[in-house]
Amino acid sequence: MKTAMAEHDDDSFGGRARDSVTGWWGRSRRFLAEVRNEMSRVTWPSQKEVYATTLVVILTSVFFGVYLWGIDLVLNGIVGWLYRTFGAA
């Protein structure tokens, strides 16, 4: 029970308040150092890879745009035919 009280005393409000004021700079510096470290590990794509993947995205978008436009035309034609056939206004 004494060890629990001793641990609790170290984590008292006064210690947390002091850490929150003086530790903000330390935490910010540590965070920015970790960001710099992580950014150095990133493998950046080459210009050729960026060009190729951009082209794939554009072509895929155009393909699916045309595909969905065609499906829309077909379904619109079917619904229009159903309205004309069964006399809906």
C-alpha atoms as a PDB file:
ATOM      1  CA  MET A   1       0.000   0.000   0.000  1.00  0.00           C
ATOM      2  CA  LYS A   2       2.902   2.360   0.704  1.00  0.00           C
ATOM      3  CA  THR A   3       4.299   1.905  -2.799  1.00  0.00           C
ATOM      4  CA  ALA A   4       0.967   2.808  -4.326  1.00  0.00           C
ATOM      5  CA  MET A   5       0.830   5.978  -2.244  1.00  0.00           C
ATOM      6  CA  ALA A   6       4.409   6.890  -3.172  1.00  0.00           C
ATOM      7  CA  GLU A   7       3.650   6.465  -6.871  1.00  0.00           C
ATOM      8  CA  HIS A   8       0.502   8.487  -6.462  1.00  0.00           C
ATOM      9  CA  ASP A   9       2.404  11.283  -4.702  1.00  0.00           C
ATOM     10  CA  ASP A  10       4.854  11.550  -7.623  1.00  0.00           C
ATOM     11  CA  ASP A  11       1.932  11.934  -9.991  1.00  0.00           C
ATOM     12  CA  SER A  12       0.210  14.607  -7.906  1.00  0.00           C
ATOM     13  CA  PHE A  13      -1.462  17.598  -9.481  1.00  0.00           C
ATOM     14  CA  GLY A  14       1.490  19.884  -8.787  1.00  0.00           C
ATOM     15  CA  GLY A  15       3.871  17.648 -10.756  1.00  0.00           C
ATOM     16  CA  ARG A  16       1.501  17.428 -13.695  1.00  0.00           C
ATOM     17  CA  ALA A  17       0.965  21.183 -13.758  1.00  0.00           C
ATOM     18  CA  ARG A  18       4.712  21.831 -13.762  1.00  0.00           C
ATOM     19  CA  ASP A  19       5.234  19.248 -16.530  1.00  0.00           C
ATOM     20  CA  SER A  20       2.422  20.710 -18.587  1.00  0.00           C
ATOM     21  CA  VAL A  21       3.999  24.169 -18.521  1.00  0.00           C
ATOM     22  CA  THR A  22       7.689  23.330 -18.867  1.00  0.00           C
ATOM     23  CA  GLY A  23       7.231  20.081 -20.771  1.00  0.00           C
ATOM     24  CA  TRP A  24       5.324  21.604 -23.674  1.00  0.00           C
ATOM     25  CA  TRP A  25       8.526  22.771 -25.358  1.00  0.00           C
ATOM     26  CA  GLY A  26      10.212  19.438 -24.782  1.00  0.00           C
ATOM     27  CA  ARG A  27       7.279  17.484 -26.148  1.00  0.00           C
ATOM     28  CA  SER A  28       7.081  19.776 -29.178  1.00  0.00           C
ATOM     29  CA  ARG A  29      10.802  19.422 -29.900  1.00  0.00           C
ATOM     30  CA  ARG A  30      10.596  15.628 -29.513  1.00  0.00           C
ATOM     31  CA  PHE A  31       7.579  15.501 -31.841  1.00  0.00           C
ATOM     32  CA  LEU A  32       9.329  17.571 -34.514  1.00  0.00           C
ATOM     33  CA  ALA A  33      12.480  15.439 -34.194  1.00  0.00           C
ATOM     34  CA  GLU A  34      10.379  12.296 -34.693  1.00  0.00           C
ATOM     35  CA  VAL A  35       8.678  13.868 -37.707  1.00  0.00           C
ATOM     36  CA  ARG A  36      12.059  14.695 -39.241  1.00  0.00           C
ATOM     37  CA  ASN A  37      13.268  11.150 -38.526  1.00  0.00           C
ATOM     38  CA  GLU A  38      10.154   9.614 -40.086  1.00  0.00           C
ATOM     39  CA  MET A  39      10.362  11.857 -43.160  1.00  0.00           C
ATOM     40  CA  SER A  40      13.926  10.714 -43.754  1.00  0.00           C
ATOM     41  CA  ARG A  41      12.649   7.111 -43.947  1.00  0.00           C
ATOM     42  CA  VAL A  42      10.069   7.879 -46.618  1.00  0.00           C
ATOM     43  CA  THR A  43      10.864   6.503 -50.058  1.00  0.00           C
ATOM     44  CA  TRP A  44       9.831   9.194 -52.475  1.00  0.00           C
ATOM     45  CA  PRO A  45       8.687   8.146 -55.965  1.00  0.00           C
ATOM     46  CA  SER A  46      10.649   9.157 -59.003  1.00  0.00           C
ATOM     47  CA  GLN A  47       9.237  11.580 -61.570  1.00  0.00           C
ATOM     48  CA  LYS A  48       8.669   8.651 -63.943  1.00  0.00           C
ATOM     49  CA  GLU A  49       6.646   6.751 -61.307  1.00  0.00           C
ATOM     50  CA  VAL A  50       4.528   9.827 -60.526  1.00  0.00           C
ATOM     51  CA  TYR A  51       3.854  10.368 -64.231  1.00  0.00           C
ATOM     52  CA  ALA A  52       2.872   6.710 -64.739  1.00  0.00           C
ATOM     53  CA  THR A  53       0.518   6.548 -61.755  1.00  0.00           C
ATOM     54  CA  THR A  54      -1.048   9.900 -62.668  1.00  0.00           C
ATOM     55  CA  LEU A  55      -1.711   8.615 -66.166  1.00  0.00           C
ATOM     56  CA  VAL A  56      -3.296   5.439 -64.759  1.00  0.00           C
ATOM     57  CA  VAL A  57      -5.583   7.493 -62.496  1.00  0.00           C
ATOM     58  CA  ILE A  58      -6.666   9.790 -65.341  1.00  0.00           C
ATOM     59  CA  LEU A  59      -7.336   6.902 -67.752  1.00  0.00           C
ATOM     60  CA  THR A  60      -9.225   4.929 -65.109  1.00  0.00           C
ATOM     61  CA  SER A  61     -11.357   7.972 -64.272  1.00  0.00           C
ATOM     62  CA  VAL A  62     -12.166   8.559 -67.947  1.00  0.00           C
ATOM     63  CA  PHE A  63     -12.997   4.875 -68.470  1.00  0.00           C
ATOM     64  CA  PHE A  64     -15.372   4.693 -65.516  1.00  0.00           C
ATOM     65  CA  GLY A  65     -16.920   8.058 -66.420  1.00  0.00           C
ATOM     66  CA  VAL A  66     -17.744   6.829 -69.930  1.00  0.00           C
ATOM     67  CA  TYR A  67     -18.892   3.457 -68.561  1.00  0.00           C
ATOM     68  CA  LEU A  68     -21.265   5.031 -66.046  1.00  0.00           C
ATOM     69  CA  TRP A  69     -22.516   7.497 -68.677  1.00  0.00           C
ATOM     70  CA  GLY A  70     -23.365   4.527 -70.924  1.00  0.00           C
ATOM     71  CA  ILE A  71     -25.125   2.678 -68.106  1.00  0.00           C
ATOM     72  CA  ASP A  72     -27.078   5.852 -67.337  1.00  0.00           C
ATOM     73  CA  LEU A  73     -28.174   6.177 -70.974  1.00  0.00           C
ATOM     74  CA  VAL A  74     -29.318   2.542 -71.094  1.00  0.00           C
ATOM     75  CA  LEU A  75     -31.225   2.725 -67.817  1.00  0.00           C
ATOM     76  CA  ASN A  76     -32.750   6.080 -68.780  1.00  0.00           C
ATOM     77  CA  GLY A  77     -33.913   4.559 -72.068  1.00  0.00           C
ATOM     78  CA  ILE A  78     -35.428   1.546 -70.282  1.00  0.00           C
ATOM     79  CA  VAL A  79     -37.271   3.713 -67.753  1.00  0.00           C
ATOM     80  CA  GLY A  80     -38.507   6.024 -70.536  1.00  0.00           C
ATOM     81  CA  TRP A  81     -39.741   3.019 -72.509  1.00  0.00           C
ATOM     82  CA  LEU A  82     -41.544   1.678 -69.417  1.00  0.00           C
ATOM     83  CA  TYR A  83     -43.255   5.046 -68.853  1.00  0.00           C
ATOM     84  CA  ARG A  84     -44.322   5.299 -72.501  1.00  0.00           C
ATOM     85  CA  THR A  85     -45.496   1.676 -72.630  1.00  0.00           C
ATOM     86  CA  PHE A  86     -47.509   1.626 -69.441  1.00  0.00           C
ATOM     87  CA  GLY A  87     -48.954   5.131 -69.807  1.00  0.00           C
ATOM     88  CA  ALA A  88     -47.364   6.983 -66.923  1.00  0.00           C
ATOM     89  CA  ALA A  89     -47.482  10.726 -67.310  1.00  0.00           C
END
